[in-house]
Amino acid sequence: VFLLAGHLPEFPDDQQIVLNHGYTAELSQ
């Protein structure tokens, strides 16, 4: 999450950054 966003939000905002990035469903999950 830190590498994607450049900062470190708390749960569950950190999850949303990953889910919105466009990875495959399996990797995102």
mmCIF file of all heavy atoms, coordinates in Angstrom:
data_MODEL
# 
_entry.id   MODEL 
# 
loop_
_atom_site.group_PDB 
_atom_site.id 
_atom_site.type_symbol 
_atom_site.label_atom_id 
_atom_site.label_alt_id 
_atom_site.label_comp_id 
_atom_site.label_asym_id 
_atom_site.label_entity_id 
_atom_site.label_seq_id 
_atom_site.pdbx_PDB_ins_code 
_atom_site.Cartn_x 
_atom_site.Cartn_y 
_atom_site.Cartn_z 
_atom_site.occupancy 
_atom_site.B_iso_or_equiv 
_atom_site.pdbx_formal_charge 
_atom_site.auth_seq_id 
_atom_site.auth_comp_id 
_atom_site.auth_asym_id 
_atom_site.auth_atom_id 
_atom_site.pdbx_PDB_model_num 
ATOM 1   N N   . VAL A 1 1  ? 0.831   -1.202  0.000   1.00 0.00 ? 1  VAL A N   1 
ATOM 2   C CA  . VAL A 1 1  ? 0.000   0.000   0.000   1.00 0.00 ? 1  VAL A CA  1 
ATOM 3   C C   . VAL A 1 1  ? 0.864   1.250   0.000   1.00 0.00 ? 1  VAL A C   1 
ATOM 4   O O   . VAL A 1 1  ? 0.603   2.219   -0.720  1.00 0.00 ? 1  VAL A O   1 
ATOM 5   C CB  . VAL A 1 1  ? -0.952  -0.006  1.216   1.00 0.00 ? 1  VAL A CB  1 
ATOM 6   C CG1 . VAL A 1 1  ? -1.648  1.346   1.362   1.00 0.00 ? 1  VAL A CG1 1 
ATOM 7   C CG2 . VAL A 1 1  ? -1.978  -1.114  1.086   1.00 0.00 ? 1  VAL A CG2 1 
ATOM 8   N N   . PHE A 1 2  ? 1.919   1.246   0.802   1.00 0.00 ? 2  PHE A N   1 
ATOM 9   C CA  . PHE A 1 2  ? 2.838   2.386   0.871   1.00 0.00 ? 2  PHE A CA  1 
ATOM 10  C C   . PHE A 1 2  ? 3.470   2.663   -0.488  1.00 0.00 ? 2  PHE A C   1 
ATOM 11  O O   . PHE A 1 2  ? 3.599   3.821   -0.904  1.00 0.00 ? 2  PHE A O   1 
ATOM 12  C CB  . PHE A 1 2  ? 3.907   2.111   1.924   1.00 0.00 ? 2  PHE A CB  1 
ATOM 13  C CG  . PHE A 1 2  ? 5.027   3.107   1.933   1.00 0.00 ? 2  PHE A CG  1 
ATOM 14  C CD1 . PHE A 1 2  ? 4.844   4.382   2.455   1.00 0.00 ? 2  PHE A CD1 1 
ATOM 15  C CD2 . PHE A 1 2  ? 6.269   2.778   1.410   1.00 0.00 ? 2  PHE A CD2 1 
ATOM 16  C CE1 . PHE A 1 2  ? 5.883   5.312   2.453   1.00 0.00 ? 2  PHE A CE1 1 
ATOM 17  C CE2 . PHE A 1 2  ? 7.313   3.695   1.406   1.00 0.00 ? 2  PHE A CE2 1 
ATOM 18  C CZ  . PHE A 1 2  ? 7.117   4.961   1.932   1.00 0.00 ? 2  PHE A CZ  1 
ATOM 19  N N   . LEU A 1 3  ? 3.870   1.624   -1.199  1.00 0.00 ? 3  LEU A N   1 
ATOM 20  C CA  . LEU A 1 3  ? 4.484   1.818   -2.504  1.00 0.00 ? 3  LEU A CA  1 
ATOM 21  C C   . LEU A 1 3  ? 3.480   2.362   -3.515  1.00 0.00 ? 3  LEU A C   1 
ATOM 22  O O   . LEU A 1 3  ? 3.829   3.175   -4.371  1.00 0.00 ? 3  LEU A O   1 
ATOM 23  C CB  . LEU A 1 3  ? 5.072   0.498   -3.016  1.00 0.00 ? 3  LEU A CB  1 
ATOM 24  C CG  . LEU A 1 3  ? 6.237   -0.090  -2.220  1.00 0.00 ? 3  LEU A CG  1 
ATOM 25  C CD1 . LEU A 1 3  ? 6.791   -1.326  -2.920  1.00 0.00 ? 3  LEU A CD1 1 
ATOM 26  C CD2 . LEU A 1 3  ? 7.348   0.932   -2.014  1.00 0.00 ? 3  LEU A CD2 1 
ATOM 27  N N   . LEU A 1 4  ? 2.236   1.932   -3.419  1.00 0.00 ? 4  LEU A N   1 
ATOM 28  C CA  . LEU A 1 4  ? 1.214   2.408   -4.347  1.00 0.00 ? 4  LEU A CA  1 
ATOM 29  C C   . LEU A 1 4  ? 0.821   3.854   -4.068  1.00 0.00 ? 4  LEU A C   1 
ATOM 30  O O   . LEU A 1 4  ? 0.710   4.675   -4.984  1.00 0.00 ? 4  LEU A O   1 
ATOM 31  C CB  . LEU A 1 4  ? -0.031  1.517   -4.259  1.00 0.00 ? 4  LEU A CB  1 
ATOM 32  C CG  . LEU A 1 4  ? 0.077   0.081   -4.787  1.00 0.00 ? 4  LEU A CG  1 
ATOM 33  C CD1 . LEU A 1 4  ? -1.221  -0.666  -4.507  1.00 0.00 ? 4  LEU A CD1 1 
ATOM 34  C CD2 . LEU A 1 4  ? 0.385   0.076   -6.280  1.00 0.00 ? 4  LEU A CD2 1 
ATOM 35  N N   . ALA A 1 5  ? 0.625   4.176   -2.787  1.00 0.00 ? 5  ALA A N   1 
ATOM 36  C CA  . ALA A 1 5  ? 0.038   5.471   -2.420  1.00 0.00 ? 5  ALA A CA  1 
ATOM 37  C C   . ALA A 1 5  ? 1.070   6.510   -1.994  1.00 0.00 ? 5  ALA A C   1 
ATOM 38  O O   . ALA A 1 5  ? 0.781   7.708   -2.041  1.00 0.00 ? 5  ALA A O   1 
ATOM 39  C CB  . ALA A 1 5  ? -0.983  5.276   -1.301  1.00 0.00 ? 5  ALA A CB  1 
ATOM 40  N N   . GLY A 1 6  ? 2.230   6.086   -1.547  1.00 0.00 ? 6  GLY A N   1 
ATOM 41  C CA  . GLY A 1 6  ? 3.215   7.029   -1.031  1.00 0.00 ? 6  GLY A CA  1 
ATOM 42  C C   . GLY A 1 6  ? 2.950   7.418   0.408   1.00 0.00 ? 6  GLY A C   1 
ATOM 43  O O   . GLY A 1 6  ? 3.697   8.196   0.986   1.00 0.00 ? 6  GLY A O   1 
ATOM 44  N N   . HIS A 1 7  ? 1.892   6.894   0.998   1.00 0.00 ? 7  HIS A N   1 
ATOM 45  C CA  . HIS A 1 7  ? 1.589   7.108   2.413   1.00 0.00 ? 7  HIS A CA  1 
ATOM 46  C C   . HIS A 1 7  ? 0.902   5.848   2.931   1.00 0.00 ? 7  HIS A C   1 
ATOM 47  O O   . HIS A 1 7  ? 0.709   4.888   2.172   1.00 0.00 ? 7  HIS A O   1 
ATOM 48  C CB  . HIS A 1 7  ? 0.698   8.346   2.615   1.00 0.00 ? 7  HIS A CB  1 
ATOM 49  C CG  . HIS A 1 7  ? -0.646  8.243   1.974   1.00 0.00 ? 7  HIS A CG  1 
ATOM 50  N ND1 . HIS A 1 7  ? -0.853  8.436   0.609   1.00 0.00 ? 7  HIS A ND1 1 
ATOM 51  C CD2 . HIS A 1 7  ? -1.881  7.952   2.481   1.00 0.00 ? 7  HIS A CD2 1 
ATOM 52  C CE1 . HIS A 1 7  ? -2.130  8.284   0.321   1.00 0.00 ? 7  HIS A CE1 1 
ATOM 53  N NE2 . HIS A 1 7  ? -2.767  7.993   1.430   1.00 0.00 ? 7  HIS A NE2 1 
ATOM 54  N N   . LEU A 1 8  ? 0.505   5.851   4.185   1.00 0.00 ? 8  LEU A N   1 
ATOM 55  C CA  . LEU A 1 8  ? -0.020  4.637   4.785   1.00 0.00 ? 8  LEU A CA  1 
ATOM 56  C C   . LEU A 1 8  ? -1.328  4.903   5.526   1.00 0.00 ? 8  LEU A C   1 
ATOM 57  O O   . LEU A 1 8  ? -1.326  5.181   6.726   1.00 0.00 ? 8  LEU A O   1 
ATOM 58  C CB  . LEU A 1 8  ? 1.014   4.048   5.748   1.00 0.00 ? 8  LEU A CB  1 
ATOM 59  C CG  . LEU A 1 8  ? 0.908   2.559   6.051   1.00 0.00 ? 8  LEU A CG  1 
ATOM 60  C CD1 . LEU A 1 8  ? 0.914   1.736   4.771   1.00 0.00 ? 8  LEU A CD1 1 
ATOM 61  C CD2 . LEU A 1 8  ? 2.058   2.129   6.941   1.00 0.00 ? 8  LEU A CD2 1 
ATOM 62  N N   . PRO A 1 9  ? -2.467  4.833   4.823   1.00 0.00 ? 9  PRO A N   1 
ATOM 63  C CA  . PRO A 1 9  ? -3.759  5.035   5.481   1.00 0.00 ? 9  PRO A CA  1 
ATOM 64  C C   . PRO A 1 9  ? -4.102  3.851   6.385   1.00 0.00 ? 9  PRO A C   1 
ATOM 65  O O   . PRO A 1 9  ? -3.521  2.769   6.270   1.00 0.00 ? 9  PRO A O   1 
ATOM 66  C CB  . PRO A 1 9  ? -4.732  5.130   4.302   1.00 0.00 ? 9  PRO A CB  1 
ATOM 67  C CG  . PRO A 1 9  ? -4.075  4.341   3.210   1.00 0.00 ? 9  PRO A CG  1 
ATOM 68  C CD  . PRO A 1 9  ? -2.598  4.553   3.390   1.00 0.00 ? 9  PRO A CD  1 
ATOM 69  N N   . GLU A 1 10 ? -5.028  4.057   7.272   1.00 0.00 ? 10 GLU A N   1 
ATOM 70  C CA  . GLU A 1 10 ? -5.435  3.000   8.189   1.00 0.00 ? 10 GLU A CA  1 
ATOM 71  C C   . GLU A 1 10 ? -6.507  2.117   7.560   1.00 0.00 ? 10 GLU A C   1 
ATOM 72  O O   . GLU A 1 10 ? -7.115  2.450   6.557   1.00 0.00 ? 10 GLU A O   1 
ATOM 73  C CB  . GLU A 1 10 ? -5.945  3.611   9.503   1.00 0.00 ? 10 GLU A CB  1 
ATOM 74  C CG  . GLU A 1 10 ? -4.878  4.353   10.286  1.00 0.00 ? 10 GLU A CG  1 
ATOM 75  C CD  . GLU A 1 10 ? -3.689  3.472   10.620  1.00 0.00 ? 10 GLU A CD  1 
ATOM 76  O OE1 . GLU A 1 10 ? -3.907  2.302   10.996  1.00 0.00 ? 10 GLU A OE1 1 
ATOM 77  O OE2 . GLU A 1 10 ? -2.538  3.933   10.498  1.00 0.00 ? 10 GLU A OE2 1 
ATOM 78  N N   . PHE A 1 11 ? -6.744  0.970   8.177   1.00 0.00 ? 11 PHE A N   1 
ATOM 79  C CA  . PHE A 1 11 ? -7.780  0.031   7.759   1.00 0.00 ? 11 PHE A CA  1 
ATOM 80  C C   . PHE A 1 11 ? -9.150  0.684   7.947   1.00 0.00 ? 11 PHE A C   1 
ATOM 81  O O   . PHE A 1 11 ? -9.389  1.340   8.959   1.00 0.00 ? 11 PHE A O   1 
ATOM 82  C CB  . PHE A 1 11 ? -7.670  -1.236  8.614   1.00 0.00 ? 11 PHE A CB  1 
ATOM 83  C CG  . PHE A 1 11 ? -8.656  -2.305  8.295   1.00 0.00 ? 11 PHE A CG  1 
ATOM 84  C CD1 . PHE A 1 11 ? -8.384  -3.228  7.294   1.00 0.00 ? 11 PHE A CD1 1 
ATOM 85  C CD2 . PHE A 1 11 ? -9.852  -2.398  8.988   1.00 0.00 ? 11 PHE A CD2 1 
ATOM 86  C CE1 . PHE A 1 11 ? -9.294  -4.231  6.997   1.00 0.00 ? 11 PHE A CE1 1 
ATOM 87  C CE2 . PHE A 1 11 ? -10.764 -3.393  8.698   1.00 0.00 ? 11 PHE A CE2 1 
ATOM 88  C CZ  . PHE A 1 11 ? -10.486 -4.311  7.706   1.00 0.00 ? 11 PHE A CZ  1 
ATOM 89  N N   . PRO A 1 12 ? -10.089 0.552   6.983   1.00 0.00 ? 12 PRO A N   1 
ATOM 90  C CA  . PRO A 1 12 ? -10.044 -0.211  5.740   1.00 0.00 ? 12 PRO A CA  1 
ATOM 91  C C   . PRO A 1 12 ? -9.651  0.628   4.508   1.00 0.00 ? 12 PRO A C   1 
ATOM 92  O O   . PRO A 1 12 ? -9.750  0.135   3.382   1.00 0.00 ? 12 PRO A O   1 
ATOM 93  C CB  . PRO A 1 12 ? -11.479 -0.703  5.601   1.00 0.00 ? 12 PRO A CB  1 
ATOM 94  C CG  . PRO A 1 12 ? -12.288 0.440   6.152   1.00 0.00 ? 12 PRO A CG  1 
ATOM 95  C CD  . PRO A 1 12 ? -11.470 1.039   7.266   1.00 0.00 ? 12 PRO A CD  1 
ATOM 96  N N   . ASP A 1 13 ? -9.199  1.872   4.730   1.00 0.00 ? 13 ASP A N   1 
ATOM 97  C CA  . ASP A 1 13 ? -8.817  2.704   3.583   1.00 0.00 ? 13 ASP A CA  1 
ATOM 98  C C   . ASP A 1 13 ? -7.638  2.099   2.826   1.00 0.00 ? 13 ASP A C   1 
ATOM 99  O O   . ASP A 1 13 ? -7.521  2.263   1.609   1.00 0.00 ? 13 ASP A O   1 
ATOM 100 C CB  . ASP A 1 13 ? -8.469  4.122   4.055   1.00 0.00 ? 13 ASP A CB  1 
ATOM 101 C CG  . ASP A 1 13 ? -9.679  4.854   4.610   1.00 0.00 ? 13 ASP A CG  1 
ATOM 102 O OD1 . ASP A 1 13 ? -10.810 4.476   4.251   1.00 0.00 ? 13 ASP A OD1 1 
ATOM 103 O OD2 . ASP A 1 13 ? -9.496  5.795   5.400   1.00 0.00 ? 13 ASP A OD2 1 
ATOM 104 N N   . ASP A 1 14 ? -6.749  1.402   3.552   1.00 0.00 ? 14 ASP A N   1 
ATOM 105 C CA  . ASP A 1 14 ? -5.619  0.776   2.867   1.00 0.00 ? 14 ASP A CA  1 
ATOM 106 C C   . ASP A 1 14 ? -6.093  -0.328  1.925   1.00 0.00 ? 14 ASP A C   1 
ATOM 107 O O   . ASP A 1 14 ? -5.556  -0.510  0.828   1.00 0.00 ? 14 ASP A O   1 
ATOM 108 C CB  . ASP A 1 14 ? -4.599  0.240   3.876   1.00 0.00 ? 14 ASP A CB  1 
ATOM 109 C CG  . ASP A 1 14 ? -5.213  -0.655  4.945   1.00 0.00 ? 14 ASP A CG  1 
ATOM 110 O OD1 . ASP A 1 14 ? -6.433  -0.866  4.923   1.00 0.00 ? 14 ASP A OD1 1 
ATOM 111 O OD2 . ASP A 1 14 ? -4.451  -1.145  5.808   1.00 0.00 ? 14 ASP A OD2 1 
ATOM 112 N N   . GLN A 1 15 ? -7.137  -1.044  2.330   1.00 0.00 ? 15 GLN A N   1 
ATOM 113 C CA  . GLN A 1 15 ? -7.708  -2.072  1.459   1.00 0.00 ? 15 GLN A CA  1 
ATOM 114 C C   . GLN A 1 15 ? -8.240  -1.465  0.169   1.00 0.00 ? 15 GLN A C   1 
ATOM 115 O O   . GLN A 1 15 ? -8.064  -2.019  -0.925  1.00 0.00 ? 15 GLN A O   1 
ATOM 116 C CB  . GLN A 1 15 ? -8.840  -2.816  2.169   1.00 0.00 ? 15 GLN A CB  1 
ATOM 117 C CG  . GLN A 1 15 ? -8.398  -3.778  3.252   1.00 0.00 ? 15 GLN A CG  1 
ATOM 118 C CD  . GLN A 1 15 ? -9.568  -4.555  3.808   1.00 0.00 ? 15 GLN A CD  1 
ATOM 119 O OE1 . GLN A 1 15 ? -10.661 -4.004  3.989   1.00 0.00 ? 15 GLN A OE1 1 
ATOM 120 N NE2 . GLN A 1 15 ? -9.361  -5.826  4.090   1.00 0.00 ? 15 GLN A NE2 1 
ATOM 121 N N   . GLN A 1 16 ? -8.890  -0.317  0.275   1.00 0.00 ? 16 GLN A N   1 
ATOM 122 C CA  . GLN A 1 16 ? -9.521  0.296   -0.885  1.00 0.00 ? 16 GLN A CA  1 
ATOM 123 C C   . GLN A 1 16 ? -8.483  0.703   -1.924  1.00 0.00 ? 16 GLN A C   1 
ATOM 124 O O   . GLN A 1 16 ? -8.737  0.629   -3.129  1.00 0.00 ? 16 GLN A O   1 
ATOM 125 C CB  . GLN A 1 16 ? -10.344 1.511   -0.449  1.00 0.00 ? 16 GLN A CB  1 
ATOM 126 C CG  . GLN A 1 16 ? -11.477 1.858   -1.403  1.00 0.00 ? 16 GLN A CG  1 
ATOM 127 C CD  . GLN A 1 16 ? -12.445 0.705   -1.595  1.00 0.00 ? 16 GLN A CD  1 
ATOM 128 O OE1 . GLN A 1 16 ? -12.876 0.061   -0.644  1.00 0.00 ? 16 GLN A OE1 1 
ATOM 129 N NE2 . GLN A 1 16 ? -12.768 0.416   -2.850  1.00 0.00 ? 16 GLN A NE2 1 
ATOM 130 N N   . ILE A 1 17 ? -7.315  1.143   -1.488  1.00 0.00 ? 17 ILE A N   1 
ATOM 131 C CA  . ILE A 1 17 ? -6.254  1.514   -2.426  1.00 0.00 ? 17 ILE A CA  1 
ATOM 132 C C   . ILE A 1 17 ? -5.861  0.329   -3.285  1.00 0.00 ? 17 ILE A C   1 
ATOM 133 O O   . ILE A 1 17 ? -5.678  0.444   -4.511  1.00 0.00 ? 17 ILE A O   1 
ATOM 134 C CB  . ILE A 1 17 ? -5.033  2.056   -1.656  1.00 0.00 ? 17 ILE A CB  1 
ATOM 135 C CG1 . ILE A 1 17 ? -5.352  3.444   -1.095  1.00 0.00 ? 17 ILE A CG1 1 
ATOM 136 C CG2 . ILE A 1 17 ? -3.802  2.109   -2.546  1.00 0.00 ? 17 ILE A CG2 1 
ATOM 137 C CD1 . ILE A 1 17 ? -4.268  4.029   -0.239  1.00 0.00 ? 17 ILE A CD1 1 
ATOM 138 N N   . VAL A 1 18 ? -5.768  -0.834  -2.674  1.00 0.00 ? 18 VAL A N   1 
ATOM 139 C CA  . VAL A 1 18 ? -5.408  -2.050  -3.413  1.00 0.00 ? 18 VAL A CA  1 
ATOM 140 C C   . VAL A 1 18 ? -6.537  -2.454  -4.356  1.00 0.00 ? 18 VAL A C   1 
ATOM 141 O O   . VAL A 1 18 ? -6.312  -2.757  -5.532  1.00 0.00 ? 18 VAL A O   1 
ATOM 142 C CB  . VAL A 1 18 ? -5.085  -3.201  -2.439  1.00 0.00 ? 18 VAL A CB  1 
ATOM 143 C CG1 . VAL A 1 18 ? -4.846  -4.492  -3.206  1.00 0.00 ? 18 VAL A CG1 1 
ATOM 144 C CG2 . VAL A 1 18 ? -3.884  -2.852  -1.585  1.00 0.00 ? 18 VAL A CG2 1 
ATOM 145 N N   . LEU A 1 19 ? -7.765  -2.448  -3.862  1.00 0.00 ? 19 LEU A N   1 
ATOM 146 C CA  . LEU A 1 19 ? -8.899  -2.897  -4.662  1.00 0.00 ? 19 LEU A CA  1 
ATOM 147 C C   . LEU A 1 19 ? -9.146  -1.989  -5.858  1.00 0.00 ? 19 LEU A C   1 
ATOM 148 O O   . LEU A 1 19 ? -9.664  -2.428  -6.891  1.00 0.00 ? 19 LEU A O   1 
ATOM 149 C CB  . LEU A 1 19 ? -10.156 -2.967  -3.787  1.00 0.00 ? 19 LEU A CB  1 
ATOM 150 C CG  . LEU A 1 19 ? -10.113 -4.019  -2.665  1.00 0.00 ? 19 LEU A CG  1 
ATOM 151 C CD1 . LEU A 1 19 ? -11.336 -3.876  -1.764  1.00 0.00 ? 19 LEU A CD1 1 
ATOM 152 C CD2 . LEU A 1 19 ? -10.052 -5.429  -3.251  1.00 0.00 ? 19 LEU A CD2 1 
ATOM 153 N N   . ASN A 1 20 ? -8.752  -0.718  -5.747  1.00 0.00 ? 20 ASN A N   1 
ATOM 154 C CA  . ASN A 1 20 ? -8.979  0.241   -6.835  1.00 0.00 ? 20 ASN A CA  1 
ATOM 155 C C   . ASN A 1 20 ? -7.842  0.286   -7.840  1.00 0.00 ? 20 ASN A C   1 
ATOM 156 O O   . ASN A 1 20 ? -7.921  1.025   -8.827  1.00 0.00 ? 20 ASN A O   1 
ATOM 157 C CB  . ASN A 1 20 ? -9.183  1.653   -6.263  1.00 0.00 ? 20 ASN A CB  1 
ATOM 158 C CG  . ASN A 1 20 ? -10.486 1.774   -5.501  1.00 0.00 ? 20 ASN A CG  1 
ATOM 159 O OD1 . ASN A 1 20 ? -11.388 0.953   -5.655  1.00 0.00 ? 20 ASN A OD1 1 
ATOM 160 N ND2 . ASN A 1 20 ? -10.590 2.793   -4.668  1.00 0.00 ? 20 ASN A ND2 1 
ATOM 161 N N   . HIS A 1 21 ? -6.781  -0.484  -7.610  1.00 0.00 ? 21 HIS A N   1 
ATOM 162 C CA  . HIS A 1 21 ? -5.595  -0.323  -8.438  1.00 0.00 ? 21 HIS A CA  1 
ATOM 163 C C   . HIS A 1 21 ? -5.680  -1.041  -9.778  1.00 0.00 ? 21 HIS A C   1 
ATOM 164 O O   . HIS A 1 21 ? -4.951  -0.684  -10.712 1.00 0.00 ? 21 HIS A O   1 
ATOM 165 C CB  . HIS A 1 21 ? -4.348  -0.788  -7.685  1.00 0.00 ? 21 HIS A CB  1 
ATOM 166 C CG  . HIS A 1 21 ? -3.066  -0.399  -8.358  1.00 0.00 ? 21 HIS A CG  1 
ATOM 167 N ND1 . HIS A 1 21 ? -2.626  0.906   -8.432  1.00 0.00 ? 21 HIS A ND1 1 
ATOM 168 C CD2 . HIS A 1 21 ? -2.152  -1.134  -9.034  1.00 0.00 ? 21 HIS A CD2 1 
ATOM 169 C CE1 . HIS A 1 21 ? -1.494  0.953   -9.108  1.00 0.00 ? 21 HIS A CE1 1 
ATOM 170 N NE2 . HIS A 1 21 ? -1.177  -0.269  -9.483  1.00 0.00 ? 21 HIS A NE2 1 
ATOM 171 N N   . GLY A 1 22 ? -6.511  -2.047  -9.897  1.00 0.00 ? 22 GLY A N   1 
ATOM 172 C CA  . GLY A 1 22 ? -6.631  -2.731  -11.183 1.00 0.00 ? 22 GLY A CA  1 
ATOM 173 C C   . GLY A 1 22 ? -5.863  -4.023  -11.285 1.00 0.00 ? 22 GLY A C   1 
ATOM 174 O O   . GLY A 1 22 ? -5.649  -4.530  -12.395 1.00 0.00 ? 22 GLY A O   1 
ATOM 175 N N   . TYR A 1 23 ? -5.436  -4.591  -10.174 1.00 0.00 ? 23 TYR A N   1 
ATOM 176 C CA  . TYR A 1 23 ? -4.807  -5.900  -10.201 1.00 0.00 ? 23 TYR A CA  1 
ATOM 177 C C   . TYR A 1 23 ? -5.858  -6.963  -10.508 1.00 0.00 ? 23 TYR A C   1 
ATOM 178 O O   . TYR A 1 23 ? -7.068  -6.693  -10.467 1.00 0.00 ? 23 TYR A O   1 
ATOM 179 C CB  . TYR A 1 23 ? -4.144  -6.214  -8.849  1.00 0.00 ? 23 TYR A CB  1 
ATOM 180 C CG  . TYR A 1 23 ? -2.904  -5.399  -8.557  1.00 0.00 ? 23 TYR A CG  1 
ATOM 181 C CD1 . TYR A 1 23 ? -2.702  -4.830  -7.304  1.00 0.00 ? 23 TYR A CD1 1 
ATOM 182 C CD2 . TYR A 1 23 ? -1.916  -5.214  -9.522  1.00 0.00 ? 23 TYR A CD2 1 
ATOM 183 C CE1 . TYR A 1 23 ? -1.560  -4.100  -7.023  1.00 0.00 ? 23 TYR A CE1 1 
ATOM 184 C CE2 . TYR A 1 23 ? -0.774  -4.480  -9.252  1.00 0.00 ? 23 TYR A CE2 1 
ATOM 185 C CZ  . TYR A 1 23 ? -0.605  -3.921  -8.003  1.00 0.00 ? 23 TYR A CZ  1 
ATOM 186 O OH  . TYR A 1 23 ? 0.528   -3.191  -7.737  1.00 0.00 ? 23 TYR A OH  1 
ATOM 187 N N   . THR A 1 24 ? -5.401  -8.177  -10.807 1.00 0.00 ? 24 THR A N   1 
ATOM 188 C CA  . THR A 1 24 ? -6.344  -9.271  -10.986 1.00 0.00 ? 24 THR A CA  1 
ATOM 189 C C   . THR A 1 24 ? -7.157  -9.443  -9.708  1.00 0.00 ? 24 THR A C   1 
ATOM 190 O O   . THR A 1 24 ? -6.712  -9.096  -8.614  1.00 0.00 ? 24 THR A O   1 
ATOM 191 C CB  . THR A 1 24 ? -5.613  -10.587 -11.295 1.00 0.00 ? 24 THR A CB  1 
ATOM 192 O OG1 . THR A 1 24 ? -4.793  -10.929 -10.172 1.00 0.00 ? 24 THR A OG1 1 
ATOM 193 C CG2 . THR A 1 24 ? -4.753  -10.462 -12.553 1.00 0.00 ? 24 THR A CG2 1 
ATOM 194 N N   . ALA A 1 25 ? -8.352  -9.991  -9.845  1.00 0.00 ? 25 ALA A N   1 
ATOM 195 C CA  . ALA A 1 25 ? -9.234  -10.155 -8.692  1.00 0.00 ? 25 ALA A CA  1 
ATOM 196 C C   . ALA A 1 25 ? -8.572  -11.001 -7.611  1.00 0.00 ? 25 ALA A C   1 
ATOM 197 O O   . ALA A 1 25 ? -8.693  -10.717 -6.415  1.00 0.00 ? 25 ALA A O   1 
ATOM 198 C CB  . ALA A 1 25 ? -10.552 -10.780 -9.129  1.00 0.00 ? 25 ALA A CB  1 
ATOM 199 N N   . GLU A 1 26 ? -7.840  -12.029 -8.029  1.00 0.00 ? 26 GLU A N   1 
ATOM 200 C CA  . GLU A 1 26 ? -7.215  -12.928 -7.063  1.00 0.00 ? 26 GLU A CA  1 
ATOM 201 C C   . GLU A 1 26 ? -6.108  -12.220 -6.285  1.00 0.00 ? 26 GLU A C   1 
ATOM 202 O O   . GLU A 1 26 ? -6.014  -12.354 -5.057  1.00 0.00 ? 26 GLU A O   1 
ATOM 203 C CB  . GLU A 1 26 ? -6.641  -14.164 -7.780  1.00 0.00 ? 26 GLU A CB  1 
ATOM 204 C CG  . GLU A 1 26 ? -7.682  -15.080 -8.394  1.00 0.00 ? 26 GLU A CG  1 
ATOM 205 C CD  . GLU A 1 26 ? -8.174  -14.583 -9.749  1.00 0.00 ? 26 GLU A CD  1 
ATOM 206 O OE1 . GLU A 1 26 ? -7.639  -13.541 -10.241 1.00 0.00 ? 26 GLU A OE1 1 
ATOM 207 O OE2 . GLU A 1 26 ? -9.096  -15.196 -10.305 1.00 0.00 ? 26 GLU A OE2 1 
ATOM 208 N N   . LEU A 1 27 ? -5.269  -11.448 -6.990  1.00 0.00 ? 27 LEU A N   1 
ATOM 209 C CA  . LEU A 1 27 ? -4.188  -10.745 -6.303  1.00 0.00 ? 27 LEU A CA  1 
ATOM 210 C C   . LEU A 1 27 ? -4.745  -9.649  -5.404  1.00 0.00 ? 27 LEU A C   1 
ATOM 211 O O   . LEU A 1 27 ? -4.305  -9.482  -4.263  1.00 0.00 ? 27 LEU A O   1 
ATOM 212 C CB  . LEU A 1 27 ? -3.214  -10.149 -7.315  1.00 0.00 ? 27 LEU A CB  1 
ATOM 213 C CG  . LEU A 1 27 ? -2.019  -9.367  -6.734  1.00 0.00 ? 27 LEU A CG  1 
ATOM 214 C CD1 . LEU A 1 27 ? -1.203  -10.239 -5.787  1.00 0.00 ? 27 LEU A CD1 1 
ATOM 215 C CD2 . LEU A 1 27 ? -1.131  -8.817  -7.845  1.00 0.00 ? 27 LEU A CD2 1 
ATOM 216 N N   . SER A 1 28 ? -5.726  -8.907  -5.910  1.00 0.00 ? 28 SER A N   1 
ATOM 217 C CA  . SER A 1 28 ? -6.345  -7.849  -5.096  1.00 0.00 ? 28 SER A CA  1 
ATOM 218 C C   . SER A 1 28 ? -6.933  -8.410  -3.820  1.00 0.00 ? 28 SER A C   1 
ATOM 219 O O   . SER A 1 28 ? -6.776  -7.840  -2.726  1.00 0.00 ? 28 SER A O   1 
ATOM 220 C CB  . SER A 1 28 ? -7.425  -7.130  -5.908  1.00 0.00 ? 28 SER A CB  1 
ATOM 221 O OG  . SER A 1 28 ? -6.881  -6.442  -6.993  1.00 0.00 ? 28 SER A OG  1 
ATOM 222 N N   . GLN A 1 29 ? -7.619  -9.537  -3.936  1.00 0.00 ? 29 GLN A N   1 
ATOM 223 C CA  . GLN A 1 29 ? -8.251  -10.140 -2.774  1.00 0.00 ? 29 GLN A CA  1 
ATOM 224 C C   . GLN A 1 29 ? -7.217  -10.644 -1.775  1.00 0.00 ? 29 GLN A C   1 
ATOM 225 O O   . GLN A 1 29 ? -7.387  -10.518 -0.566  1.00 0.00 ? 29 GLN A O   1 
ATOM 226 C CB  . GLN A 1 29 ? -9.163  -11.296 -3.205  1.00 0.00 ? 29 GLN A CB  1 
ATOM 227 C CG  . GLN A 1 29 ? -9.908  -11.966 -2.052  1.00 0.00 ? 29 GLN A CG  1 
ATOM 228 C CD  . GLN A 1 29 ? -10.745 -10.991 -1.243  1.00 0.00 ? 29 GLN A CD  1 
ATOM 229 O OE1 . GLN A 1 29 ? -11.380 -10.084 -1.795  1.00 0.00 ? 29 GLN A OE1 1 
ATOM 230 N NE2 . GLN A 1 29 ? -10.763 -11.152 0.073   1.00 0.00 ? 29 GLN A NE2 1 
# 
